[in-house]
Amino acid sequence: MTNKELDSVMTKAKEQFKKGEPLFGKNGAFHFMLEEFLNKALDAEMDEHIAENKGNGGKDRRNGKMRKAVQSEYGPVEIETPRDRDGSFEPEMVKKRETILAEGLSDKIIGLYV
């Protein structure tokens, strides 16, 4: 996240806080942070998977992304799970076919930004 994006989120958070609006949820200021973190974490997992596979002599590579919505404590979050050609990638952050984010994970992610 760039400084400009962070400043924008913080300005939006201040405005929503002053109006008494929720900071989380689909229109909340922190929704963007949660979504961005999850997508970057999934990409990093895929990078590690591909590097490990190539180190073992494999020829696996990326094969696009699948969009899905997962429910968090603060409302739905749209994520893009990367795919690989072999179909051997098993994400850990948000597992395949998982539609509910692990309890407390949202709080931990938001805490990292604070």
PDB file of N, CA and C in Angstrom:
ATOM      1  N   MET A   1       0.850  -1.166   0.000  1.00  0.00           N
ATOM      2  CA  MET A   1       0.000   0.000   0.000  1.00  0.00           C
ATOM      3  C   MET A   1       0.901   1.235   0.000  1.00  0.00           C
ATOM      4  N   THR A   2       0.638   2.133  -0.911  1.00  0.00           N
ATOM      5  CA  THR A   2       1.441   3.350  -0.992  1.00  0.00           C
ATOM      6  C   THR A   2       1.011   4.330   0.093  1.00  0.00           C
ATOM      7  N   ASN A   3       1.857   5.318   0.350  1.00  0.00           N
ATOM      8  CA  ASN A   3       1.530   6.338   1.350  1.00  0.00           C
ATOM      9  C   ASN A   3       0.280   7.111   0.952  1.00  0.00           C
ATOM     10  N   LYS A   4       0.120   7.350  -0.348  1.00  0.00           N
ATOM     11  CA  LYS A   4      -1.051   8.079  -0.827  1.00  0.00           C
ATOM     12  C   LYS A   4      -2.329   7.286  -0.535  1.00  0.00           C
ATOM     13  N   GLU A   5      -2.295   5.962  -0.787  1.00  0.00           N
ATOM     14  CA  GLU A   5      -3.456   5.112  -0.509  1.00  0.00           C
ATOM     15  C   GLU A   5      -3.749   5.061   0.985  1.00  0.00           C
ATOM     16  N   LEU A   6      -2.696   4.966   1.788  1.00  0.00           N
ATOM     17  CA  LEU A   6      -2.872   4.931   3.239  1.00  0.00           C
ATOM     18  C   LEU A   6      -3.474   6.237   3.744  1.00  0.00           C
ATOM     19  N   ASP A   7      -2.997   7.367   3.230  1.00  0.00           N
ATOM     20  CA  ASP A   7      -3.559   8.665   3.617  1.00  0.00           C
ATOM     21  C   ASP A   7      -5.039   8.749   3.242  1.00  0.00           C
ATOM     22  N   SER A   8      -5.370   8.234   2.072  1.00  0.00           N
ATOM     23  CA  SER A   8      -6.762   8.241   1.624  1.00  0.00           C
ATOM     24  C   SER A   8      -7.643   7.401   2.553  1.00  0.00           C
ATOM     25  N   VAL A   9      -7.157   6.226   2.940  1.00  0.00           N
ATOM     26  CA  VAL A   9      -7.913   5.356   3.845  1.00  0.00           C
ATOM     27  C   VAL A   9      -8.089   6.031   5.198  1.00  0.00           C
ATOM     28  N   MET A  10      -7.032   6.640   5.697  1.00  0.00           N
ATOM     29  CA  MET A  10      -7.105   7.287   7.008  1.00  0.00           C
ATOM     30  C   MET A  10      -8.058   8.489   6.984  1.00  0.00           C
ATOM     31  N   THR A  11      -8.058   9.246   5.907  1.00  0.00           N
ATOM     32  CA  THR A  11      -8.991  10.373   5.777  1.00  0.00           C
ATOM     33  C   THR A  11     -10.427   9.863   5.758  1.00  0.00           C
ATOM     34  N   LYS A  12     -10.662   8.809   4.991  1.00  0.00           N
ATOM     35  CA  LYS A  12     -12.001   8.226   4.924  1.00  0.00           C
ATOM     36  C   LYS A  12     -12.416   7.692   6.297  1.00  0.00           C
ATOM     37  N   ALA A  13     -11.485   7.066   7.003  1.00  0.00           N
ATOM     38  CA  ALA A  13     -11.777   6.529   8.340  1.00  0.00           C
ATOM     39  C   ALA A  13     -12.168   7.651   9.305  1.00  0.00           C
ATOM     40  N   LYS A  14     -11.453   8.750   9.266  1.00  0.00           N
ATOM     41  CA  LYS A  14     -11.776   9.886  10.143  1.00  0.00           C
ATOM     42  C   LYS A  14     -13.167  10.426   9.852  1.00  0.00           C
ATOM     43  N   GLU A  15     -13.480  10.573   8.559  1.00  0.00           N
ATOM     44  CA  GLU A  15     -14.798  11.085   8.173  1.00  0.00           C
ATOM     45  C   GLU A  15     -15.906  10.143   8.631  1.00  0.00           C
ATOM     46  N   GLN A  16     -15.719   8.845   8.415  1.00  0.00           N
ATOM     47  CA  GLN A  16     -16.732   7.876   8.827  1.00  0.00           C
ATOM     48  C   GLN A  16     -16.875   7.837  10.350  1.00  0.00           C
ATOM     49  N   PHE A  17     -15.767   7.945  11.048  1.00  0.00           N
ATOM     50  CA  PHE A  17     -15.800   7.922  12.515  1.00  0.00           C
ATOM     51  C   PHE A  17     -16.581   9.119  13.052  1.00  0.00           C
ATOM     52  N   LYS A  18     -16.333  10.298  12.480  1.00  0.00           N
ATOM     53  CA  LYS A  18     -17.030  11.515  12.905  1.00  0.00           C
ATOM     54  C   LYS A  18     -18.533  11.427  12.651  1.00  0.00           C
ATOM     55  N   LYS A  19     -18.921  10.756  11.560  1.00  0.00           N
ATOM     56  CA  LYS A  19     -20.342  10.620  11.214  1.00  0.00           C
ATOM     57  C   LYS A  19     -21.009   9.462  11.957  1.00  0.00           C
ATOM     58  N   GLY A  20     -20.208   8.662  12.664  1.00  0.00           N
ATOM     59  CA  GLY A  20     -20.762   7.516  13.379  1.00  0.00           C
ATOM     60  C   GLY A  20     -21.026   6.317  12.486  1.00  0.00           C
ATOM     61  N   GLU A  21     -20.413   6.307  11.311  1.00  0.00           N
ATOM     62  CA  GLU A  21     -20.581   5.193  10.384  1.00  0.00           C
ATOM     63  C   GLU A  21     -19.570   4.094  10.720  1.00  0.00           C
ATOM     64  N   PRO A  22     -19.902   2.832  10.408  1.00  0.00           N
ATOM     65  CA  PRO A  22     -18.963   1.745  10.693  1.00  0.00           C
ATOM     66  C   PRO A  22     -17.716   1.832   9.812  1.00  0.00           C
ATOM     67  N   LEU A  23     -16.564   1.519  10.376  1.00  0.00           N
ATOM     68  CA  LEU A  23     -15.300   1.565   9.647  1.00  0.00           C
ATOM     69  C   LEU A  23     -15.051   0.279   8.865  1.00  0.00           C
ATOM     70  N   PHE A  24     -15.786  -0.759   9.198  1.00  0.00           N
ATOM     71  CA  PHE A  24     -15.644  -2.040   8.538  1.00  0.00           C
ATOM     72  C   PHE A  24     -16.872  -2.315   7.700  1.00  0.00           C
ATOM     73  N   GLY A  25     -16.897  -3.417   7.000  1.00  0.00           N
ATOM     74  CA  GLY A  25     -18.017  -3.727   6.124  1.00  0.00           C
ATOM     75  C   GLY A  25     -17.705  -3.281   4.713  1.00  0.00           C
ATOM     76  N   LYS A  26     -18.636  -3.492   3.807  1.00  0.00           N
ATOM     77  CA  LYS A  26     -18.392  -3.251   2.388  1.00  0.00           C
ATOM     78  C   LYS A  26     -17.977  -1.810   2.082  1.00  0.00           C
ATOM     79  N   ASN A  27     -18.539  -0.844   2.765  1.00  0.00           N
ATOM     80  CA  ASN A  27     -18.203   0.560   2.491  1.00  0.00           C
ATOM     81  C   ASN A  27     -17.282   1.163   3.542  1.00  0.00           C
ATOM     82  N   GLY A  28     -16.799   0.362   4.458  1.00  0.00           N
ATOM     83  CA  GLY A  28     -15.939   0.859   5.522  1.00  0.00           C
ATOM     84  C   GLY A  28     -14.544   1.188   5.026  1.00  0.00           C
ATOM     85  N   ALA A  29     -13.880   2.083   5.737  1.00  0.00           N
ATOM     86  CA  ALA A  29     -12.546   2.528   5.348  1.00  0.00           C
ATOM     87  C   ALA A  29     -11.522   1.396   5.386  1.00  0.00           C
ATOM     88  N   PHE A  30     -11.684   0.454   6.304  1.00  0.00           N
ATOM     89  CA  PHE A  30     -10.691  -0.598   6.461  1.00  0.00           C
ATOM     90  C   PHE A  30     -10.957  -1.822   5.584  1.00  0.00           C
ATOM     91  N   HIS A  31     -12.069  -1.822   4.890  1.00  0.00           N
ATOM     92  CA  HIS A  31     -12.393  -2.925   3.991  1.00  0.00           C
ATOM     93  C   HIS A  31     -11.306  -3.098   2.935  1.00  0.00           C
ATOM     94  N   PHE A  32     -10.841  -1.994   2.381  1.00  0.00           N
ATOM     95  CA  PHE A  32      -9.805  -2.001   1.349  1.00  0.00           C
ATOM     96  C   PHE A  32      -8.528  -2.657   1.866  1.00  0.00           C
ATOM     97  N   MET A  33      -8.147  -2.350   3.116  1.00  0.00           N
ATOM     98  CA  MET A  33      -6.918  -2.905   3.692  1.00  0.00           C
ATOM     99  C   MET A  33      -7.008  -4.422   3.822  1.00  0.00           C
ATOM    100  N   LEU A  34      -8.128  -4.897   4.296  1.00  0.00           N
ATOM    101  CA  LEU A  34      -8.321  -6.331   4.490  1.00  0.00           C
ATOM    102  C   LEU A  34      -8.251  -7.060   3.154  1.00  0.00           C
ATOM    103  N   GLU A  35      -8.947  -6.533   2.166  1.00  0.00           N
ATOM    104  CA  GLU A  35      -8.947  -7.125   0.831  1.00  0.00           C
ATOM    105  C   GLU A  35      -7.551  -7.150   0.226  1.00  0.00           C
ATOM    106  N   GLU A  36      -6.851  -6.033   0.313  1.00  0.00           N
ATOM    107  CA  GLU A  36      -5.513  -5.931  -0.267  1.00  0.00           C
ATOM    108  C   GLU A  36      -4.547  -6.896   0.408  1.00  0.00           C
ATOM    109  N   PHE A  37      -4.611  -6.969   1.730  1.00  0.00           N
ATOM    110  CA  PHE A  37      -3.718  -7.861   2.460  1.00  0.00           C
ATOM    111  C   PHE A  37      -3.940  -9.319   2.052  1.00  0.00           C
ATOM    112  N   LEU A  38      -5.193  -9.737   2.006  1.00  0.00           N
ATOM    113  CA  LEU A  38      -5.494 -11.128   1.651  1.00  0.00           C
ATOM    114  C   LEU A  38      -5.014 -11.461   0.239  1.00  0.00           C
ATOM    115  N   ASN A  39      -5.242 -10.559  -0.712  1.00  0.00           N
ATOM    116  CA  ASN A  39      -4.815 -10.809  -2.091  1.00  0.00           C
ATOM    117  C   ASN A  39      -3.297 -10.873  -2.208  1.00  0.00           C
ATOM    118  N   LYS A  40      -2.587  -9.995  -1.514  1.00  0.00           N
ATOM    119  CA  LYS A  40      -1.123 -10.014  -1.563  1.00  0.00           C
ATOM    120  C   LYS A  40      -0.563 -11.253  -0.872  1.00  0.00           C
ATOM    121  N   ALA A  41      -1.194 -11.672   0.215  1.00  0.00           N
ATOM    122  CA  ALA A  41      -0.750 -12.882   0.915  1.00  0.00           C
ATOM    123  C   ALA A  41      -0.936 -14.111   0.029  1.00  0.00           C
ATOM    124  N   LEU A  42      -2.055 -14.188  -0.671  1.00  0.00           N
ATOM    125  CA  LEU A  42      -2.294 -15.316  -1.574  1.00  0.00           C
ATOM    126  C   LEU A  42      -1.291 -15.323  -2.724  1.00  0.00           C
ATOM    127  N   ASP A  43      -0.969 -14.138  -3.260  1.00  0.00           N
ATOM    128  CA  ASP A  43       0.036 -14.052  -4.324  1.00  0.00           C
ATOM    129  C   ASP A  43       1.408 -14.506  -3.813  1.00  0.00           C
ATOM    130  N   ALA A  44       1.750 -14.121  -2.590  1.00  0.00           N
ATOM    131  CA  ALA A  44       3.031 -14.525  -2.012  1.00  0.00           C
ATOM    132  C   ALA A  44       3.079 -16.037  -1.808  1.00  0.00           C
ATOM    133  N   GLU A  45       1.960 -16.633  -1.395  1.00  0.00           N
ATOM    134  CA  GLU A  45       1.900 -18.084  -1.256  1.00  0.00           C
ATOM    135  C   GLU A  45       2.129 -18.761  -2.605  1.00  0.00           C
ATOM    136  N   MET A  46       1.527 -18.219  -3.653  1.00  0.00           N
ATOM    137  CA  MET A  46       1.703 -18.795  -4.991  1.00  0.00           C
ATOM    138  C   MET A  46       3.157 -18.657  -5.439  1.00  0.00           C
ATOM    139  N   ASP A  47       3.771 -17.500  -5.196  1.00  0.00           N
ATOM    140  CA  ASP A  47       5.180 -17.308  -5.557  1.00  0.00           C
ATOM    141  C   ASP A  47       6.050 -18.374  -4.894  1.00  0.00           C
ATOM    142  N   GLU A  48       5.803 -18.620  -3.624  1.00  0.00           N
ATOM    143  CA  GLU A  48       6.562 -19.623  -2.876  1.00  0.00           C
ATOM    144  C   GLU A  48       6.321 -21.024  -3.450  1.00  0.00           C
ATOM    145  N   HIS A  49       5.086 -21.321  -3.777  1.00  0.00           N
ATOM    146  CA  HIS A  49       4.732 -22.628  -4.344  1.00  0.00           C
ATOM    147  C   HIS A  49       5.455 -22.853  -5.677  1.00  0.00           C
ATOM    148  N   ILE A  50       5.436 -21.848  -6.543  1.00  0.00           N
ATOM    149  CA  ILE A  50       6.074 -21.955  -7.859  1.00  0.00           C
ATOM    150  C   ILE A  50       7.587 -22.107  -7.694  1.00  0.00           C
ATOM    151  N   ALA A  51       8.188 -21.313  -6.808  1.00  0.00           N
ATOM    152  CA  ALA A  51       9.639 -21.388  -6.584  1.00  0.00           C
ATOM    153  C   ALA A  51      10.029 -22.763  -6.049  1.00  0.00           C
ATOM    154  N   GLU A  52       9.238 -23.285  -5.130  1.00  0.00           N
ATOM    155  CA  GLU A  52       9.518 -24.607  -4.563  1.00  0.00           C
ATOM    156  C   GLU A  52       9.392 -25.692  -5.633  1.00  0.00           C
ATOM    157  N   ASN A  53       8.390 -25.571  -6.473  1.00  0.00           N
ATOM    158  CA  ASN A  53       8.168 -26.548  -7.534  1.00  0.00           C
ATOM    159  C   ASN A  53       9.302 -26.532  -8.545  1.00  0.00           C
ATOM    160  N   LYS A  54       9.756 -25.341  -8.926  1.00  0.00           N
ATOM    161  CA  LYS A  54      10.848 -25.229  -9.895  1.00  0.00           C
ATOM    162  C   LYS A  54      12.147 -25.765  -9.310  1.00  0.00           C
ATOM    163  N   GLY A  55      12.324 -25.566  -7.985  1.00  0.00           N
ATOM    164  CA  GLY A  55      13.522 -26.083  -7.317  1.00  0.00           C
ATOM    165  C   GLY A  55      13.570 -27.600  -7.338  1.00  0.00           C
ATOM    166  N   ASN A  56      12.419 -28.229  -7.450  1.00  0.00           N
ATOM    167  CA  ASN A  56      12.336 -29.698  -7.507  1.00  0.00           C
ATOM    168  C   ASN A  56      12.277 -30.208  -8.946  1.00  0.00           C
ATOM    169  N   GLY A  57      12.588 -29.340  -9.894  1.00  0.00           N
ATOM    170  CA  GLY A  57      12.607 -29.749 -11.300  1.00  0.00           C
ATOM    171  C   GLY A  57      11.253 -29.683 -11.988  1.00  0.00           C
ATOM    172  N   GLY A  58      10.249 -29.120 -11.337  1.00  0.00           N
ATOM    173  CA  GLY A  58       8.903 -29.026 -11.915  1.00  0.00           C
ATOM    174  C   GLY A  58       8.781 -27.895 -12.913  1.00  0.00           C
ATOM    175  N   LYS A  59       7.722 -27.952 -13.690  1.00  0.00           N
ATOM    176  CA  LYS A  59       7.476 -26.921 -14.703  1.00  0.00           C
ATOM    177  C   LYS A  59       6.156 -26.210 -14.450  1.00  0.00           C
ATOM    178  N   ASP A  60       5.678 -26.247 -13.221  1.00  0.00           N
ATOM    179  CA  ASP A  60       4.410 -25.609 -12.863  1.00  0.00           C
ATOM    180  C   ASP A  60       4.531 -24.098 -13.028  1.00  0.00           C
ATOM    181  N   ARG A  61       3.423 -23.448 -13.366  1.00  0.00           N
ATOM    182  CA  ARG A  61       3.421 -21.986 -13.486  1.00  0.00           C
ATOM    183  C   ARG A  61       2.017 -21.468 -13.193  1.00  0.00           C
ATOM    184  N   ARG A  62       1.921 -20.160 -13.101  1.00  0.00           N
ATOM    185  CA  ARG A  62       0.631 -19.524 -12.803  1.00  0.00           C
ATOM    186  C   ARG A  62      -0.373 -19.779 -13.921  1.00  0.00           C
ATOM    187  N   ASN A  63      -1.662 -19.759 -13.539  1.00  0.00           N
ATOM    188  CA  ASN A  63      -2.718 -19.968 -14.526  1.00  0.00           C
ATOM    189  C   ASN A  63      -3.934 -19.116 -14.171  1.00  0.00           C
ATOM    190  N   GLY A  64      -3.721 -17.834 -13.992  1.00  0.00           N
ATOM    191  CA  GLY A  64      -4.828 -16.926 -13.723  1.00  0.00           C
ATOM    192  C   GLY A  64      -5.271 -16.915 -12.276  1.00  0.00           C
ATOM    193  N   LYS A  65      -6.444 -16.340 -12.051  1.00  0.00           N
ATOM    194  CA  LYS A  65      -6.989 -16.198 -10.703  1.00  0.00           C
ATOM    195  C   LYS A  65      -8.486 -16.476 -10.737  1.00  0.00           C
ATOM    196  N   MET A  66      -8.996 -16.899  -9.600  1.00  0.00           N
ATOM    197  CA  MET A  66     -10.434 -17.120  -9.432  1.00  0.00           C
ATOM    198  C   MET A  66     -10.948 -16.133  -8.392  1.00  0.00           C
ATOM    199  N   ARG A  67     -11.992 -15.411  -8.730  1.00  0.00           N
ATOM    200  CA  ARG A  67     -12.592 -14.471  -7.787  1.00  0.00           C
ATOM    201  C   ARG A  67     -13.590 -15.209  -6.901  1.00  0.00           C
ATOM    202  N   LYS A  68     -13.595 -14.850  -5.632  1.00  0.00           N
ATOM    203  CA  LYS A  68     -14.614 -15.384  -4.742  1.00  0.00           C
ATOM    204  C   LYS A  68     -14.814 -14.423  -3.585  1.00  0.00           C
ATOM    205  N   ALA A  69     -15.979 -14.522  -3.002  1.00  0.00           N
ATOM    206  CA  ALA A  69     -16.302 -13.690  -1.839  1.00  0.00           C
ATOM    207  C   ALA A  69     -16.222 -14.561  -0.597  1.00  0.00           C
ATOM    208  N   VAL A  70     -15.538 -14.060   0.419  1.00  0.00           N
ATOM    209  CA  VAL A  70     -15.492 -14.749   1.706  1.00  0.00           C
ATOM    210  C   VAL A  70     -16.106 -13.841   2.753  1.00  0.00           C
ATOM    211  N   GLN A  71     -16.771 -14.440   3.699  1.00  0.00           N
ATOM    212  CA  GLN A  71     -17.393 -13.670   4.774  1.00  0.00           C
ATOM    213  C   GLN A  71     -16.377 -13.465   5.887  1.00  0.00           C
ATOM    214  N   SER A  72     -16.241 -12.233   6.331  1.00  0.00           N
ATOM    215  CA  SER A  72     -15.396 -11.924   7.471  1.00  0.00           C
ATOM    216  C   SER A  72     -16.305 -11.398   8.577  1.00  0.00           C
ATOM    217  N   GLU A  73     -15.720 -11.119   9.699  1.00  0.00           N
ATOM    218  CA  GLU A  73     -16.491 -10.576  10.815  1.00  0.00           C
ATOM    219  C   GLU A  73     -17.115  -9.228  10.461  1.00  0.00           C
ATOM    220  N   TYR A  74     -16.537  -8.581   9.457  1.00  0.00           N
ATOM    221  CA  TYR A  74     -16.957  -7.234   9.091  1.00  0.00           C
ATOM    222  C   TYR A  74     -17.701  -7.170   7.769  1.00  0.00           C
ATOM    223  N   GLY A  75     -18.138  -8.301   7.273  1.00  0.00           N
ATOM    224  CA  GLY A  75     -18.866  -8.322   6.016  1.00  0.00           C
ATOM    225  C   GLY A  75     -18.094  -9.056   4.935  1.00  0.00           C
ATOM    226  N   PRO A  76     -18.673  -9.137   3.735  1.00  0.00           N
ATOM    227  CA  PRO A  76     -18.036  -9.886   2.648  1.00  0.00           C
ATOM    228  C   PRO A  76     -16.788  -9.189   2.111  1.00  0.00           C
ATOM    229  N   VAL A  77     -15.806  -9.992   1.711  1.00  0.00           N
ATOM    230  CA  VAL A  77     -14.557  -9.502   1.136  1.00  0.00           C
ATOM    231  C   VAL A  77     -14.337 -10.242  -0.170  1.00  0.00           C
ATOM    232  N   GLU A  78     -14.064  -9.501  -1.252  1.00  0.00           N
ATOM    233  CA  GLU A  78     -13.783 -10.105  -2.561  1.00  0.00           C
ATOM    234  C   GLU A  78     -12.289 -10.387  -2.658  1.00  0.00           C
ATOM    235  N   ILE A  79     -11.934 -11.640  -2.919  1.00  0.00           N
ATOM    236  CA  ILE A  79     -10.525 -11.978  -3.091  1.00  0.00           C
ATOM    237  C   ILE A  79     -10.323 -12.670  -4.425  1.00  0.00           C
ATOM    238  N   GLU A  80      -9.070 -12.708  -4.868  1.00  0.00           N
ATOM    239  CA  GLU A  80      -8.695 -13.390  -6.104  1.00  0.00           C
ATOM    240  C   GLU A  80      -7.662 -14.447  -5.748  1.00  0.00           C
ATOM    241  N   THR A  81      -8.076 -15.709  -5.780  1.00  0.00           N
ATOM    242  CA  THR A  81      -7.175 -16.801  -5.448  1.00  0.00           C
ATOM    243  C   THR A  81      -6.410 -17.213  -6.701  1.00  0.00           C
ATOM    244  N   PRO A  82      -5.063 -17.184  -6.645  1.00  0.00           N
ATOM    245  CA  PRO A  82      -4.281 -17.590  -7.814  1.00  0.00           C
ATOM    246  C   PRO A  82      -4.405 -19.093  -8.077  1.00  0.00           C
ATOM    247  N   ARG A  83      -4.252 -19.466  -9.340  1.00  0.00           N
ATOM    248  CA  ARG A  83      -4.280 -20.873  -9.741  1.00  0.00           C
ATOM    249  C   ARG A  83      -2.964 -21.228 -10.416  1.00  0.00           C
ATOM    250  N   ASP A  84      -2.646 -22.512 -10.421  1.00  0.00           N
ATOM    251  CA  ASP A  84      -1.469 -22.983 -11.135  1.00  0.00           C
ATOM    252  C   ASP A  84      -1.868 -24.051 -12.141  1.00  0.00           C
ATOM    253  N   ARG A  85      -1.003 -24.313 -13.107  1.00  0.00           N
ATOM    254  CA  ARG A  85      -1.305 -25.256 -14.191  1.00  0.00           C
ATOM    255  C   ARG A  85      -1.526 -26.674 -13.676  1.00  0.00           C
ATOM    256  N   ASP A  86      -0.714 -27.097 -12.705  1.00  0.00           N
ATOM    257  CA  ASP A  86      -0.808 -28.464 -12.189  1.00  0.00           C
ATOM    258  C   ASP A  86      -1.995 -28.674 -11.261  1.00  0.00           C
ATOM    259  N   GLY A  87      -2.550 -27.587 -10.725  1.00  0.00           N
ATOM    260  CA  GLY A  87      -3.644 -27.708  -9.771  1.00  0.00           C
ATOM    261  C   GLY A  87      -3.176 -28.206  -8.413  1.00  0.00           C
ATOM    262  N   SER A  88      -1.878 -28.061  -8.147  1.00  0.00           N
ATOM    263  CA  SER A  88      -1.314 -28.558  -6.893  1.00  0.00           C
ATOM    264  C   SER A  88      -1.202 -27.472  -5.820  1.00  0.00           C
ATOM    265  N   PHE A  89      -1.540 -26.239  -6.168  1.00  0.00           N
ATOM    266  CA  PHE A  89      -1.439 -25.141  -5.196  1.00  0.00           C
ATOM    267  C   PHE A  89      -2.567 -25.235  -4.177  1.00  0.00           C
ATOM    268  N   GLU A  90      -2.196 -25.277  -2.901  1.00  0.00           N
ATOM    269  CA  GLU A  90      -3.149 -25.307  -1.788  1.00  0.00           C
ATOM    270  C   GLU A  90      -2.903 -24.079  -0.914  1.00  0.00           C
ATOM    271  N   PRO A  91      -3.670 -23.011  -1.089  1.00  0.00           N
ATOM    272  CA  PRO A  91      -3.450 -21.808  -0.288  1.00  0.00           C
ATOM    273  C   PRO A  91      -3.731 -22.061   1.188  1.00  0.00           C
ATOM    274  N   GLU A  92      -2.989 -21.379   2.039  1.00  0.00           N
ATOM    275  CA  GLU A  92      -3.154 -21.529   3.486  1.00  0.00           C
ATOM    276  C   GLU A  92      -3.970 -20.383   4.094  1.00  0.00           C
ATOM    277  N   MET A  93      -3.795 -19.175   3.566  1.00  0.00           N
ATOM    278  CA  MET A  93      -4.481 -18.017   4.133  1.00  0.00           C
ATOM    279  C   MET A  93      -5.997 -18.167   4.029  1.00  0.00           C
ATOM    280  N   VAL A  94      -6.478 -18.452   2.847  1.00  0.00           N
ATOM    281  CA  VAL A  94      -7.897 -18.727   2.604  1.00  0.00           C
ATOM    282  C   VAL A  94      -7.927 -20.009   1.774  1.00  0.00           C
ATOM    283  N   LYS A  95      -8.244 -21.091   2.404  1.00  0.00           N
ATOM    284  CA  LYS A  95      -8.179 -22.401   1.766  1.00  0.00           C
ATOM    285  C   LYS A  95      -9.208 -22.546   0.647  1.00  0.00           C
ATOM    286  N   LYS A  96      -8.967 -23.526  -0.240  1.00  0.00           N
ATOM    287  CA  LYS A  96      -9.914 -23.811  -1.315  1.00  0.00           C
ATOM    288  C   LYS A  96     -11.276 -24.151  -0.714  1.00  0.00           C
ATOM    289  N   ARG A  97     -12.308 -23.687  -1.357  1.00  0.00           N
ATOM    290  CA  ARG A  97     -13.704 -23.923  -0.958  1.00  0.00           C
ATOM    291  C   ARG A  97     -14.063 -23.318   0.395  1.00  0.00           C
ATOM    292  N   GLU A  98     -13.180 -22.532   0.968  1.00  0.00           N
ATOM    293  CA  GLU A  98     -13.483 -21.857   2.231  1.00  0.00           C
ATOM    294  C   GLU A  98     -14.224 -20.557   1.911  1.00  0.00           C
ATOM    295  N   THR A  99     -15.350 -20.342   2.564  1.00  0.00           N
ATOM    296  CA  THR A  99     -16.135 -19.136   2.297  1.00  0.00           C
ATOM    297  C   THR A  99     -16.271 -18.248   3.528  1.00  0.00           C
ATOM    298  N   ILE A 100     -15.731 -18.703   4.646  1.00  0.00           N
ATOM    299  CA  ILE A 100     -15.768 -17.904   5.870  1.00  0.00           C
ATOM    300  C   ILE A 100     -14.342 -17.747   6.368  1.00  0.00           C
ATOM    301  N   LEU A 101     -13.924 -16.498   6.543  1.00  0.00           N
ATOM    302  CA  LEU A 101     -12.580 -16.204   7.013  1.00  0.00           C
ATOM    303  C   LEU A 101     -12.436 -16.659   8.461  1.00  0.00           C
ATOM    304  N   ALA A 102     -11.300 -17.215   8.796  1.00  0.00           N
ATOM    305  CA  ALA A 102     -11.060 -17.717  10.153  1.00  0.00           C
ATOM    306  C   ALA A 102     -11.355 -16.637  11.189  1.00  0.00           C
ATOM    307  N   GLU A 103     -11.959 -17.044  12.278  1.00  0.00           N
ATOM    308  CA  GLU A 103     -12.345 -16.111  13.332  1.00  0.00           C
ATOM    309  C   GLU A 103     -11.112 -15.391  13.886  1.00  0.00           C
ATOM    310  N   GLY A 104     -11.194 -14.095  13.973  1.00  0.00           N
ATOM    311  CA  GLY A 104     -10.108 -13.291  14.524  1.00  0.00           C
ATOM    312  C   GLY A 104      -9.052 -12.890  13.511  1.00  0.00           C
ATOM    313  N   LEU A 105      -9.043 -13.498  12.327  1.00  0.00           N
ATOM    314  CA  LEU A 105      -8.030 -13.181  11.326  1.00  0.00           C
ATOM    315  C   LEU A 105      -8.153 -11.743  10.847  1.00  0.00           C
ATOM    316  N   SER A 106      -9.370 -11.267  10.673  1.00  0.00           N
ATOM    317  CA  SER A 106      -9.585  -9.876  10.239  1.00  0.00           C
ATOM    318  C   SER A 106      -8.973  -8.899  11.231  1.00  0.00           C
ATOM    319  N   ASP A 107      -9.191  -9.143  12.524  1.00  0.00           N
ATOM    320  CA  ASP A 107      -8.632  -8.262  13.552  1.00  0.00           C
ATOM    321  C   ASP A 107      -7.113  -8.243  13.517  1.00  0.00           C
ATOM    322  N   LYS A 108      -6.501  -9.395  13.301  1.00  0.00           N
ATOM    323  CA  LYS A 108      -5.046  -9.479  13.247  1.00  0.00           C
ATOM    324  C   LYS A 108      -4.497  -8.707  12.048  1.00  0.00           C
ATOM    325  N   ILE A 109      -5.167  -8.825  10.902  1.00  0.00           N
ATOM    326  CA  ILE A 109      -4.714  -8.134   9.695  1.00  0.00           C
ATOM    327  C   ILE A 109      -4.820  -6.625   9.871  1.00  0.00           C
ATOM    328  N   ILE A 110      -5.953  -6.163  10.374  1.00  0.00           N
ATOM    329  CA  ILE A 110      -6.138  -4.723  10.604  1.00  0.00           C
ATOM    330  C   ILE A 110      -5.117  -4.234  11.633  1.00  0.00           C
ATOM    331  N   GLY A 111      -4.831  -5.030  12.638  1.00  0.00           N
ATOM    332  CA  GLY A 111      -3.828  -4.681  13.645  1.00  0.00           C
ATOM    333  C   GLY A 111      -2.443  -4.493  13.057  1.00  0.00           C
ATOM    334  N   LEU A 112      -2.121  -5.254  12.016  1.00  0.00           N
ATOM    335  CA  LEU A 112      -0.823  -5.107  11.363  1.00  0.00           C
ATOM    336  C   LEU A 112      -0.680  -3.726  10.716  1.00  0.00           C
ATOM    337  N   TYR A 113      -1.765  -3.191  10.189  1.00  0.00           N
ATOM    338  CA  TYR A 113      -1.712  -1.884   9.565  1.00  0.00           C
ATOM    339  C   TYR A 113      -1.621  -0.768  10.597  1.00  0.00           C
ATOM    340  N   VAL A 114      -2.230  -0.974  11.745  1.00  0.00           N
ATOM    341  CA  VAL A 114      -2.229   0.053  12.778  1.00  0.00           C
ATOM    342  C   VAL A 114      -0.847   0.110  13.366  1.00  0.00           C
TER     343      VAL A 114
END
